[in-house]
């Protein structure tokens, strides 16, 4: 499966580390930037990653900023995107299992490299359970008309 990843300046180093981790584990990673620790605006990268998931070019996305909050707010504005700010393995698993989340948001300033890797692995390994959860996800889609 192809993954798409993006960050702002605060998440740049964490993004680079996570790309290396994902590549080592056999994932094809599309990097939508940013390309340095120079100050940038996180909505630009949240939109680029979200549009790549929305189009189907990538199956899942990962966004990293200082806290993950700005990225998650922005990504969730894109129809069809269910971005989850995950601060634990349980959040990552449940966001996929119950909410069919398709974009993982992480906070570079709030999590260690090891924590980000564990959370990412849990997000990627979990699968949507469907059934009663599918009804709820459909209701989310109905709100945005997608």
C-alpha atoms as a PDB file:
ATOM      1  CA  UNK A   1       0.000   0.000   0.000  1.00  0.00           C
ATOM      2  CA  UNK A   2       1.160   3.522  -0.787  1.00  0.00           C
ATOM      3  CA  UNK A   3       1.229   6.053   2.006  1.00  0.00           C
ATOM      4  CA  UNK A   4       1.412   9.806   1.731  1.00  0.00           C
ATOM      5  CA  UNK A   5       3.091  11.901   4.383  1.00  0.00           C
ATOM      6  CA  UNK A   6       3.470  15.596   5.061  1.00  0.00           C
ATOM      7  CA  UNK A   7       4.560  17.949   7.794  1.00  0.00           C
ATOM      8  CA  UNK A   8       5.150  21.540   8.624  1.00  0.00           C
ATOM      9  CA  UNK A   9       8.495  22.849   9.880  1.00  0.00           C
ATOM     10  CA  UNK A  10       7.844  21.655  13.441  1.00  0.00           C
ATOM     11  CA  UNK A  11       7.285  18.121  12.171  1.00  0.00           C
ATOM     12  CA  UNK A  12      10.020  18.066   9.521  1.00  0.00           C
ATOM     13  CA  UNK A  13      12.575  16.016  11.464  1.00  0.00           C
ATOM     14  CA  UNK A  14       9.898  13.618  12.739  1.00  0.00           C
ATOM     15  CA  UNK A  15       8.631  13.190   9.161  1.00  0.00           C
ATOM     16  CA  UNK A  16      12.107  12.331   7.917  1.00  0.00           C
ATOM     17  CA  UNK A  17      12.515   9.761  10.704  1.00  0.00           C
ATOM     18  CA  UNK A  18       9.104   8.246   9.994  1.00  0.00           C
ATOM     19  CA  UNK A  19       9.791   7.992   6.249  1.00  0.00           C
ATOM     20  CA  UNK A  20      12.942   5.993   7.017  1.00  0.00           C
ATOM     21  CA  UNK A  21      10.995   3.756   9.423  1.00  0.00           C
ATOM     22  CA  UNK A  22       8.181   3.141   6.918  1.00  0.00           C
ATOM     23  CA  UNK A  23      10.530   2.515   3.993  1.00  0.00           C
ATOM     24  CA  UNK A  24      12.479   0.023   6.096  1.00  0.00           C
ATOM     25  CA  UNK A  25       9.201  -1.839   6.694  1.00  0.00           C
ATOM     26  CA  UNK A  26       8.399  -2.042   2.991  1.00  0.00           C
ATOM     27  CA  UNK A  27       5.953   0.829   2.504  1.00  0.00           C
ATOM     28  CA  UNK A  28       6.014   3.043  -0.569  1.00  0.00           C
ATOM     29  CA  UNK A  29       5.931   6.601   0.798  1.00  0.00           C
ATOM     30  CA  UNK A  30       4.916   9.706  -1.138  1.00  0.00           C
ATOM     31  CA  UNK A  31       6.430  12.788   0.528  1.00  0.00           C
ATOM     32  CA  UNK A  32       4.347  15.954   0.067  1.00  0.00           C
ATOM     33  CA  UNK A  33       6.738  18.160   2.054  1.00  0.00           C
ATOM     34  CA  UNK A  34       7.766  20.316   3.703  1.00  0.00           C
ATOM     35  CA  UNK A  35      11.367  20.052   2.591  1.00  0.00           C
ATOM     36  CA  UNK A  36      13.233  21.816   5.400  1.00  0.00           C
ATOM     37  CA  UNK A  37      12.824  23.123   8.943  1.00  0.00           C
ATOM     38  CA  UNK A  38      12.149  26.640   7.559  1.00  0.00           C
ATOM     39  CA  UNK A  39       8.811  28.084   8.684  1.00  0.00           C
ATOM     40  CA  UNK A  40       5.805  27.095   6.519  1.00  0.00           C
ATOM     41  CA  UNK A  41       2.018  27.047   6.859  1.00  0.00           C
ATOM     42  CA  UNK A  42       0.667  23.647   7.937  1.00  0.00           C
ATOM     43  CA  UNK A  43      -2.674  23.918   6.047  1.00  0.00           C
ATOM     44  CA  UNK A  44      -0.812  23.711   2.720  1.00  0.00           C
ATOM     45  CA  UNK A  45       0.641  20.315   3.593  1.00  0.00           C
ATOM     46  CA  UNK A  46      -2.512  19.003   5.251  1.00  0.00           C
ATOM     47  CA  UNK A  47      -4.402  19.797   2.058  1.00  0.00           C
ATOM     48  CA  UNK A  48      -1.780  18.170  -0.195  1.00  0.00           C
ATOM     49  CA  UNK A  49      -1.805  14.940   1.820  1.00  0.00           C
ATOM     50  CA  UNK A  50      -5.598  14.893   2.141  1.00  0.00           C
ATOM     51  CA  UNK A  51      -6.130  15.420  -1.593  1.00  0.00           C
ATOM     52  CA  UNK A  52      -3.733  12.548  -2.319  1.00  0.00           C
ATOM     53  CA  UNK A  53      -5.751  10.216  -0.079  1.00  0.00           C
ATOM     54  CA  UNK A  54      -9.043  11.581  -1.427  1.00  0.00           C
ATOM     55  CA  UNK A  55      -7.960  10.848  -5.015  1.00  0.00           C
ATOM     56  CA  UNK A  56      -6.968   7.276  -4.171  1.00  0.00           C
ATOM     57  CA  UNK A  57      -3.333   7.813  -5.159  1.00  0.00           C
ATOM     58  CA  UNK A  58      -2.451   6.764  -1.595  1.00  0.00           C
ATOM     59  CA  UNK A  59      -4.436   4.488   0.682  1.00  0.00           C
ATOM     60  CA  UNK A  60      -3.613   6.291   3.915  1.00  0.00           C
ATOM     61  CA  UNK A  61      -1.989   9.540   4.971  1.00  0.00           C
ATOM     62  CA  UNK A  62       0.171  10.759   7.826  1.00  0.00           C
ATOM     63  CA  UNK A  63       0.455  14.383   8.927  1.00  0.00           C
ATOM     64  CA  UNK A  64       2.845  15.800  11.511  1.00  0.00           C
ATOM     65  CA  UNK A  65       2.982  19.261  13.033  1.00  0.00           C
ATOM     66  CA  UNK A  66       3.985  20.470  16.483  1.00  0.00           C
ATOM     67  CA  UNK A  67       0.867  19.156  18.196  1.00  0.00           C
ATOM     68  CA  UNK A  68      -1.066  17.431  15.394  1.00  0.00           C
ATOM     69  CA  UNK A  69      -4.070  19.631  16.117  1.00  0.00           C
ATOM     70  CA  UNK A  70      -3.760  22.064  13.208  1.00  0.00           C
ATOM     71  CA  UNK A  71      -3.166  19.244  10.751  1.00  0.00           C
ATOM     72  CA  UNK A  72      -6.198  17.288  11.970  1.00  0.00           C
ATOM     73  CA  UNK A  73      -8.492  20.321  11.852  1.00  0.00           C
ATOM     74  CA  UNK A  74      -7.409  21.138   8.306  1.00  0.00           C
ATOM     75  CA  UNK A  75      -7.470  17.573   6.963  1.00  0.00           C
ATOM     76  CA  UNK A  76     -10.999  17.018   8.245  1.00  0.00           C
ATOM     77  CA  UNK A  77     -12.222  19.885   6.051  1.00  0.00           C
ATOM     78  CA  UNK A  78     -11.568  17.727   2.953  1.00  0.00           C
ATOM     79  CA  UNK A  79     -14.567  15.568   1.955  1.00  0.00           C
ATOM     80  CA  UNK A  80     -13.886  11.881   2.493  1.00  0.00           C
ATOM     81  CA  UNK A  81     -11.042  12.433   4.926  1.00  0.00           C
ATOM     82  CA  UNK A  82     -11.326  11.089   8.437  1.00  0.00           C
ATOM     83  CA  UNK A  83      -8.209  12.402  10.151  1.00  0.00           C
ATOM     84  CA  UNK A  84      -7.458  11.237  13.678  1.00  0.00           C
ATOM     85  CA  UNK A  85      -5.046  12.911  16.071  1.00  0.00           C
ATOM     86  CA  UNK A  86      -3.610   9.902  17.876  1.00  0.00           C
ATOM     87  CA  UNK A  87      -1.570  10.186  21.047  1.00  0.00           C
ATOM     88  CA  UNK A  88      -1.498   6.492  21.928  1.00  0.00           C
ATOM     89  CA  UNK A  89      -1.526   3.048  20.338  1.00  0.00           C
ATOM     90  CA  UNK A  90      -5.120   2.586  21.541  1.00  0.00           C
ATOM     91  CA  UNK A  91      -6.188   5.803  19.790  1.00  0.00           C
ATOM     92  CA  UNK A  92      -4.529   4.627  16.569  1.00  0.00           C
ATOM     93  CA  UNK A  93      -6.120   1.177  16.644  1.00  0.00           C
ATOM     94  CA  UNK A  94      -9.587   2.426  17.531  1.00  0.00           C
ATOM     95  CA  UNK A  95      -9.512   5.268  15.012  1.00  0.00           C
ATOM     96  CA  UNK A  96      -9.086   2.674  12.255  1.00  0.00           C
ATOM     97  CA  UNK A  97     -11.304  -0.049  13.754  1.00  0.00           C
ATOM     98  CA  UNK A  98     -14.279   2.148  14.675  1.00  0.00           C
ATOM     99  CA  UNK A  99     -13.934   5.323  12.579  1.00  0.00           C
ATOM    100  CA  UNK A 100     -12.215   4.027   9.429  1.00  0.00           C
ATOM    101  CA  UNK A 101      -9.713   6.862   9.820  1.00  0.00           C
ATOM    102  CA  UNK A 102      -7.630   7.350   6.697  1.00  0.00           C
ATOM    103  CA  UNK A 103      -5.216  10.047   7.899  1.00  0.00           C
ATOM    104  CA  UNK A 104      -3.085   9.767  11.038  1.00  0.00           C
ATOM    105  CA  UNK A 105      -2.066  13.025  12.715  1.00  0.00           C
ATOM    106  CA  UNK A 106       0.885  13.173  15.087  1.00  0.00           C
ATOM    107  CA  UNK A 107       2.477  15.814  17.309  1.00  0.00           C
ATOM    108  CA  UNK A 108       6.239  16.091  16.892  1.00  0.00           C
ATOM    109  CA  UNK A 109       6.616  18.142  20.070  1.00  0.00           C
ATOM    110  CA  UNK A 110       4.489  15.806  22.186  1.00  0.00           C
ATOM    111  CA  UNK A 111       5.692  12.323  21.233  1.00  0.00           C
ATOM    112  CA  UNK A 112       9.067  10.642  21.100  1.00  0.00           C
ATOM    113  CA  UNK A 113      10.353   8.994  17.953  1.00  0.00           C
ATOM    114  CA  UNK A 114       9.613   5.572  19.430  1.00  0.00           C
ATOM    115  CA  UNK A 115       6.066   6.574  20.382  1.00  0.00           C
ATOM    116  CA  UNK A 116       5.396   7.925  16.878  1.00  0.00           C
ATOM    117  CA  UNK A 117       6.656   4.665  15.366  1.00  0.00           C
ATOM    118  CA  UNK A 118       4.480   2.520  17.672  1.00  0.00           C
ATOM    119  CA  UNK A 119       1.407   4.655  17.019  1.00  0.00           C
ATOM    120  CA  UNK A 120       2.023   4.575  13.267  1.00  0.00           C
ATOM    121  CA  UNK A 121       2.493   0.807  13.223  1.00  0.00           C
ATOM    122  CA  UNK A 122      -0.752   0.349  15.188  1.00  0.00           C
ATOM    123  CA  UNK A 123      -2.615   2.655  12.790  1.00  0.00           C
ATOM    124  CA  UNK A 124      -1.334   0.799   9.735  1.00  0.00           C
ATOM    125  CA  UNK A 125      -1.942  -2.685  11.168  1.00  0.00           C
ATOM    126  CA  UNK A 126      -5.515  -2.047  12.340  1.00  0.00           C
ATOM    127  CA  UNK A 127      -8.493  -2.637  10.048  1.00  0.00           C
ATOM    128  CA  UNK A 128     -11.978  -1.171   9.950  1.00  0.00           C
ATOM    129  CA  UNK A 129     -14.425  -3.496  11.696  1.00  0.00           C
ATOM    130  CA  UNK A 130     -17.467  -2.340   9.719  1.00  0.00           C
ATOM    131  CA  UNK A 131     -20.851  -3.544  11.024  1.00  0.00           C
ATOM    132  CA  UNK A 132     -22.307  -1.023  13.492  1.00  0.00           C
ATOM    133  CA  UNK A 133     -19.376   1.289  12.855  1.00  0.00           C
ATOM    134  CA  UNK A 134     -20.125   1.447   9.120  1.00  0.00           C
ATOM    135  CA  UNK A 135     -23.495   3.020   9.871  1.00  0.00           C
ATOM    136  CA  UNK A 136     -21.787   5.724  11.890  1.00  0.00           C
ATOM    137  CA  UNK A 137     -19.135   6.413   9.274  1.00  0.00           C
ATOM    138  CA  UNK A 138     -21.915   6.757   6.667  1.00  0.00           C
ATOM    139  CA  UNK A 139     -23.512   9.401   8.867  1.00  0.00           C
ATOM    140  CA  UNK A 140     -20.215  11.314   8.887  1.00  0.00           C
ATOM    141  CA  UNK A 141     -20.140  11.134   5.094  1.00  0.00           C
ATOM    142  CA  UNK A 142     -23.724  12.394   4.939  1.00  0.00           C
ATOM    143  CA  UNK A 143     -22.720  15.536   6.819  1.00  0.00           C
ATOM    144  CA  UNK A 144     -20.131  16.471   4.194  1.00  0.00           C
ATOM    145  CA  UNK A 145     -22.081  15.134   1.223  1.00  0.00           C
ATOM    146  CA  UNK A 146     -19.333  12.821   0.047  1.00  0.00           C
END
